[in-house]
């Protein structure tokens, strides 16, 4: 019932005010912080991922349509080795966007640069990259100024809602696929995943393998969390606990499996659900940032 009430309130205020303006600003800054760190890390091995001599197969640029070409410029001969320019611009523009300078324009430029870089190194992408692509696209339509037109307010509210829906769809899809996966519903998926040398930590794996019931509980708990989040994260009373559980889950994935930027991206997405009037851990954090 609370979700229905929230949707009703959202509809009534759709064109009147931007919902949770300060929280939205904070969440947007976290997205740009993620982008700056991500491409800053990749810049240290840029030639390996982006150069014309990289091991990643090049796309047939001539076979792409006009829109695809605009987002795959690093596959075009004249731009084949222009990746240092794209990386430099990405770091500069994300820094500008972080400080809320020309928010919609900077979001569009960040999206353009991000897509060109990631489409060049497409084999390295994970779910976190894909989610940040979508979030950054929606940021193009978000304006967090105190005073703006009714159309701008409506566009901002709808874009913020689409980000939230996208996040819940990610978890709903992941949860349902895990429910149908035999290794997950038998409680042994984490055992096999952590046993893979490329993703697991041998010390942690050897320790946890001595506690099969704990591993089974962690596996089934992950499934339960993912199928519960799409509903519970909309509930104000449940939201802090869901966010805490998700943060612990993704920090564990980051530290144990080495998927740091993926875990960071998923944690960033939670902040789009936060509301200005909420209290607790995230309320205190937002107040400190605003101060």
Protein backbone atom coordinates (compact mmCIF):
# COMPACT_ATOMS: atom_id res chain seq x y z
CA UNK A 1 0.00 0.00 0.00
CA UNK A 2 2.88 2.36 0.72
CA UNK A 3 4.17 1.92 -2.83
CA UNK A 4 0.76 2.86 -4.23
CA UNK A 5 0.69 5.94 -2.00
CA UNK A 6 4.17 6.95 -3.19
CA UNK A 7 3.11 6.61 -6.83
CA UNK A 8 0.04 8.73 -6.14
CA UNK A 9 2.16 11.44 -4.49
CA UNK A 10 4.63 11.27 -7.37
CA UNK A 11 1.87 11.78 -9.94
CA UNK A 12 0.33 14.71 -8.07
CA UNK A 13 3.69 16.50 -7.73
CA UNK A 14 5.13 15.42 -11.08
CA UNK A 15 5.24 18.94 -12.54
CA UNK A 16 5.27 20.92 -9.28
CA UNK A 17 8.61 20.14 -7.64
CA UNK A 18 11.66 17.94 -8.00
CA UNK A 19 11.41 15.15 -5.47
CA UNK A 20 14.33 14.92 -3.00
CA UNK A 21 16.48 17.52 -4.73
CA UNK A 22 19.50 17.28 -2.40
CA UNK A 23 19.56 13.49 -2.45
CA UNK A 24 19.37 13.52 -6.24
CA UNK A 25 22.34 15.88 -6.42
CA UNK A 26 24.35 13.63 -4.13
CA UNK A 27 23.50 10.50 -6.14
CA UNK A 28 24.47 12.22 -9.38
CA UNK A 29 27.83 13.22 -7.92
CA UNK A 30 28.48 9.62 -6.93
CA UNK A 31 27.87 8.52 -10.53
CA UNK A 32 30.51 10.96 -11.75
CA UNK A 33 32.88 9.89 -8.97
CA UNK A 34 32.44 6.30 -10.17
CA UNK A 35 33.18 7.34 -13.76
CA UNK A 36 36.27 9.33 -12.77
CA UNK A 37 37.72 6.44 -10.75
CA UNK A 38 36.82 3.84 -13.37
CA UNK A 39 38.45 5.62 -16.29
CA UNK A 40 41.31 6.82 -14.12
CA UNK A 41 42.14 3.18 -13.42
CA UNK A 42 41.76 2.17 -17.08
CA UNK A 43 43.98 5.08 -18.15
CA UNK A 44 46.95 3.41 -16.42
CA UNK A 45 46.78 0.60 -19.03
CA UNK A 46 45.08 2.56 -21.79
CA UNK A 47 47.03 1.14 -24.74
CA UNK A 48 46.18 -2.41 -23.68
CA UNK A 49 42.44 -1.68 -23.90
CA UNK A 50 42.01 1.07 -26.47
CA UNK A 51 44.88 1.22 -28.98
CA UNK A 52 44.65 -0.01 -32.56
CA UNK A 53 47.05 -2.82 -31.60
CA UNK A 54 44.94 -4.01 -28.65
CA UNK A 55 43.91 -7.66 -28.54
CA UNK A 56 40.22 -6.72 -28.49
CA UNK A 57 38.76 -7.33 -31.99
CA UNK A 58 37.79 -4.17 -33.86
CA UNK A 59 34.25 -3.72 -35.14
CA UNK A 60 33.43 -3.22 -38.81
CA UNK A 61 32.82 0.53 -38.63
CA UNK A 62 31.35 0.80 -42.14
CA UNK A 63 28.58 -1.71 -41.32
CA UNK A 64 27.29 0.40 -38.40
CA UNK A 65 24.40 2.83 -38.72
CA UNK A 66 24.87 6.55 -38.08
CA UNK A 67 23.96 6.42 -34.37
CA UNK A 68 26.20 3.40 -33.78
CA UNK A 69 29.06 5.12 -35.59
CA UNK A 70 28.78 8.18 -33.32
CA UNK A 71 29.28 5.90 -30.30
CA UNK A 72 32.04 3.77 -31.86
CA UNK A 73 34.43 6.44 -33.14
CA UNK A 74 37.49 4.63 -31.77
CA UNK A 75 36.81 1.85 -34.30
CA UNK A 76 37.11 4.37 -37.15
CA UNK A 77 40.50 4.63 -38.82
CA UNK A 78 41.19 8.37 -38.23
CA UNK A 79 40.30 7.99 -34.53
CA UNK A 80 41.80 4.53 -33.97
CA UNK A 81 44.52 5.88 -31.66
CA UNK A 82 42.71 8.94 -30.32
CA UNK A 83 41.97 7.18 -27.02
CA UNK A 84 44.29 9.48 -24.96
CA UNK A 85 42.13 12.43 -26.00
CA UNK A 86 38.91 10.60 -25.13
CA UNK A 87 40.27 9.52 -21.75
CA UNK A 88 41.56 12.99 -20.90
CA UNK A 89 38.26 14.60 -21.89
CA UNK A 90 36.34 12.01 -19.86
CA UNK A 91 38.30 12.79 -16.70
CA UNK A 92 38.00 16.54 -17.23
CA UNK A 93 34.29 16.54 -18.05
CA UNK A 94 33.36 14.18 -15.20
CA UNK A 95 35.16 16.54 -12.82
CA UNK A 96 33.19 19.47 -14.27
CA UNK A 97 29.95 17.50 -14.01
CA UNK A 98 30.73 16.54 -10.41
CA UNK A 99 30.66 20.21 -9.48
CA UNK A 100 27.33 20.63 -11.28
CA UNK A 101 28.52 22.89 -14.08
CA UNK A 102 26.07 22.83 -17.03
CA UNK A 103 24.55 19.59 -15.65
CA UNK A 104 22.59 18.40 -18.66
CA UNK A 105 25.24 19.31 -21.22
CA UNK A 106 28.05 17.77 -19.17
CA UNK A 107 25.97 14.61 -18.66
CA UNK A 108 25.49 14.31 -22.43
CA UNK A 109 29.22 14.74 -23.06
CA UNK A 110 30.13 12.21 -20.34
CA UNK A 111 27.69 9.72 -21.87
CA UNK A 112 29.14 10.25 -25.36
CA UNK A 113 32.73 9.78 -24.19
CA UNK A 114 31.87 6.86 -21.91
CA UNK A 115 30.08 4.96 -24.68
CA UNK A 116 32.91 5.47 -27.16
CA UNK A 117 35.52 4.22 -24.69
CA UNK A 118 33.45 1.25 -23.53
CA UNK A 119 32.43 0.24 -27.05
CA UNK A 120 36.13 0.05 -27.89
CA UNK A 121 36.92 -2.16 -24.88
CA UNK A 122 33.57 -3.95 -24.99
CA UNK A 123 34.85 -7.36 -23.88
CA UNK A 124 35.85 -5.92 -20.48
CA UNK A 125 32.40 -4.63 -19.52
CA UNK A 126 30.25 -6.03 -16.72
CA UNK A 127 26.79 -5.34 -15.32
CA UNK A 128 28.06 -2.32 -13.42
CA UNK A 129 29.22 -0.65 -16.63
CA UNK A 130 25.91 -1.35 -18.33
CA UNK A 131 23.95 0.10 -15.42
CA UNK A 132 26.11 3.24 -15.36
CA UNK A 133 25.54 3.68 -19.11
CA UNK A 134 21.79 3.78 -18.53
CA UNK A 135 22.01 5.98 -15.44
CA UNK A 136 24.27 8.48 -17.20
CA UNK A 137 21.86 8.62 -20.14
CA UNK A 138 18.98 9.49 -17.79
CA UNK A 139 21.14 12.13 -16.10
CA UNK A 140 21.01 14.08 -19.37
CA UNK A 141 17.37 14.86 -18.55
CA UNK A 142 17.90 15.72 -14.87
CA UNK A 143 18.12 19.30 -13.64
CA UNK A 144 18.59 19.97 -9.92
CA UNK A 145 18.24 23.74 -9.89
CA UNK A 146 15.99 25.19 -7.21
CA UNK A 147 13.94 27.11 -9.78
CA UNK A 148 12.96 25.61 -13.14
CA UNK A 149 10.01 25.32 -15.51
CA UNK A 150 7.17 22.83 -15.10
CA UNK A 151 8.42 20.92 -18.15
CA UNK A 152 11.95 20.71 -16.72
CA UNK A 153 10.59 19.53 -13.36
CA UNK A 154 8.51 16.84 -15.06
CA UNK A 155 11.47 15.68 -17.15
CA UNK A 156 13.70 15.50 -14.07
CA UNK A 157 11.17 13.53 -12.02
CA UNK A 158 10.51 11.06 -14.84
CA UNK A 159 14.24 10.53 -15.47
CA UNK A 160 14.87 9.91 -11.76
CA UNK A 161 11.98 7.44 -11.69
CA UNK A 162 13.38 5.60 -14.71
CA UNK A 163 16.72 5.19 -12.92
CA UNK A 164 14.94 3.62 -9.95
CA UNK A 165 12.91 1.32 -12.17
CA UNK A 166 16.05 0.28 -14.04
CA UNK A 167 17.81 -0.65 -10.79
CA UNK A 168 14.85 -2.72 -9.60
CA UNK A 169 14.68 -4.48 -12.98
CA UNK A 170 18.36 -5.42 -12.66
CA UNK A 171 17.73 -7.08 -9.31
CA UNK A 172 14.44 -8.67 -10.36
CA UNK A 173 16.08 -10.21 -13.43
CA UNK A 174 19.14 -11.39 -11.50
CA UNK A 175 17.00 -12.85 -8.72
CA UNK A 176 14.59 -14.70 -11.02
CA UNK A 177 17.42 -16.15 -13.11
CA UNK A 178 19.12 -17.36 -9.94
CA UNK A 179 15.89 -18.95 -8.70
CA UNK A 180 15.79 -20.96 -11.93
CA UNK A 181 19.48 -21.88 -11.69
CA UNK A 182 20.05 -25.33 -10.11
CA UNK A 183 23.32 -24.34 -8.42
CA UNK A 184 21.66 -21.36 -6.76
CA UNK A 185 18.50 -23.04 -5.52
CA UNK A 186 20.59 -25.92 -4.20
CA UNK A 187 22.76 -23.47 -2.26
CA UNK A 188 26.10 -24.39 -3.85
CA UNK A 189 26.64 -21.59 -6.42
CA UNK A 190 28.97 -19.53 -4.21
CA UNK A 191 31.07 -22.61 -3.46
CA UNK A 192 31.76 -23.21 -7.15
CA UNK A 193 32.14 -19.51 -8.02
CA UNK A 194 34.61 -18.80 -5.24
CA UNK A 195 36.55 -21.90 -6.24
CA UNK A 196 37.39 -20.37 -9.63
CA UNK A 197 40.91 -18.94 -9.37
CA UNK A 198 40.14 -15.90 -11.56
CA UNK A 199 37.31 -14.75 -9.27
CA UNK A 200 37.90 -16.31 -5.88
CA UNK A 201 40.22 -15.70 -2.96
CA UNK A 202 41.90 -18.98 -2.09
CA UNK A 203 42.31 -18.16 1.59
CA UNK A 204 38.67 -17.19 2.06
CA UNK A 205 37.49 -20.11 -0.09
CA UNK A 206 39.49 -22.65 1.93
CA UNK A 207 38.08 -21.22 5.17
CA UNK A 208 34.45 -21.09 4.04
CA UNK A 209 34.59 -24.54 2.44
CA UNK A 210 34.87 -25.92 5.97
CA UNK A 211 31.44 -24.45 6.74
CA UNK A 212 29.07 -25.76 4.03
CA UNK A 213 25.94 -24.63 5.87
CA UNK A 214 27.26 -21.06 6.02
CA UNK A 215 28.03 -21.12 2.29
CA UNK A 216 24.55 -22.46 1.56
CA UNK A 217 22.99 -19.74 3.72
CA UNK A 218 25.02 -17.06 1.92
CA UNK A 219 23.97 -18.44 -1.46
CA UNK A 220 20.26 -18.63 -0.66
CA UNK A 221 20.44 -15.30 1.17
CA UNK A 222 21.78 -13.65 -1.98
CA UNK A 223 18.83 -15.00 -3.98
CA UNK A 224 16.33 -13.91 -1.33
CA UNK A 225 17.84 -10.43 -1.22
CA UNK A 226 17.73 -9.97 -4.98
CA UNK A 227 14.11 -11.05 -5.38
CA UNK A 228 13.05 -8.95 -2.36
CA UNK A 229 14.81 -5.69 -3.24
CA UNK A 230 12.54 -4.65 -6.15
CA UNK A 231 9.65 -4.30 -3.69
CA UNK A 232 11.21 -3.57 -0.30
CA UNK A 233 13.50 -0.74 -1.42
CA UNK A 234 10.41 1.38 -2.11
CA UNK A 235 9.31 0.98 1.52
CA UNK A 236 10.71 3.74 3.74
CA UNK A 237 10.85 1.48 6.81
CA UNK A 238 12.69 -1.27 4.98
CA UNK A 239 14.95 0.86 2.78
CA UNK A 240 17.84 1.40 5.27
CA UNK A 241 18.10 -2.35 5.91
CA UNK A 242 17.92 -3.25 2.22
CA UNK A 243 20.60 -0.68 1.40
CA UNK A 244 22.79 -1.97 4.24
CA UNK A 245 22.42 -5.58 3.09
CA UNK A 246 23.12 -4.60 -0.51
CA UNK A 247 26.18 -2.61 0.48
CA UNK A 248 27.57 -5.53 2.49
CA UNK A 249 26.83 -7.90 -0.41
CA UNK A 250 28.52 -5.78 -3.05
CA UNK A 251 31.48 -4.84 -0.87
CA UNK A 252 31.98 -8.56 -0.33
CA UNK A 253 31.87 -9.14 -4.08
CA UNK A 254 34.33 -6.28 -4.59
CA UNK A 255 36.83 -7.53 -2.02
CA UNK A 256 36.48 -11.30 -2.42
CA UNK A 257 35.95 -11.58 -6.18
CA UNK A 258 37.88 -8.49 -7.28
CA UNK A 259 34.88 -6.88 -9.02
CA UNK A 260 35.46 -3.52 -7.36
CA UNK A 261 33.89 -1.17 -9.90
CA UNK A 262 30.86 -3.44 -10.28
CA UNK A 263 30.22 -3.39 -6.54
CA UNK A 264 30.80 0.36 -6.41
CA UNK A 265 28.31 0.93 -9.26
CA UNK A 266 25.57 -1.08 -7.56
CA UNK A 267 26.08 0.75 -4.26
CA UNK A 268 25.90 4.10 -6.07
CA UNK A 269 22.54 3.15 -7.58
CA UNK A 270 20.97 2.85 -4.11
CA UNK A 271 21.32 6.57 -3.48
CA UNK A 272 18.71 7.40 -6.12
CA UNK A 273 16.10 5.89 -3.78
CA UNK A 274 17.06 8.09 -0.86
CA UNK A 275 14.68 10.91 0.11
CA UNK A 276 15.67 14.23 1.69
CA UNK A 277 13.48 13.78 4.75
CA UNK A 278 14.81 10.34 5.67
CA UNK A 279 16.85 9.91 8.83
CA UNK A 280 19.47 7.43 9.88
CA UNK A 281 22.86 6.64 8.36
CA UNK A 282 22.20 8.10 4.92
CA UNK A 283 20.44 11.11 6.37
CA UNK A 284 23.49 11.91 8.48
CA UNK A 285 25.78 11.42 5.48
CA UNK A 286 23.73 13.74 3.29
CA UNK A 287 23.60 16.42 6.01
CA UNK A 288 27.40 16.34 6.28
CA UNK A 289 27.77 16.70 2.51
CA UNK A 290 25.28 19.59 2.42
CA UNK A 291 27.03 21.31 5.33
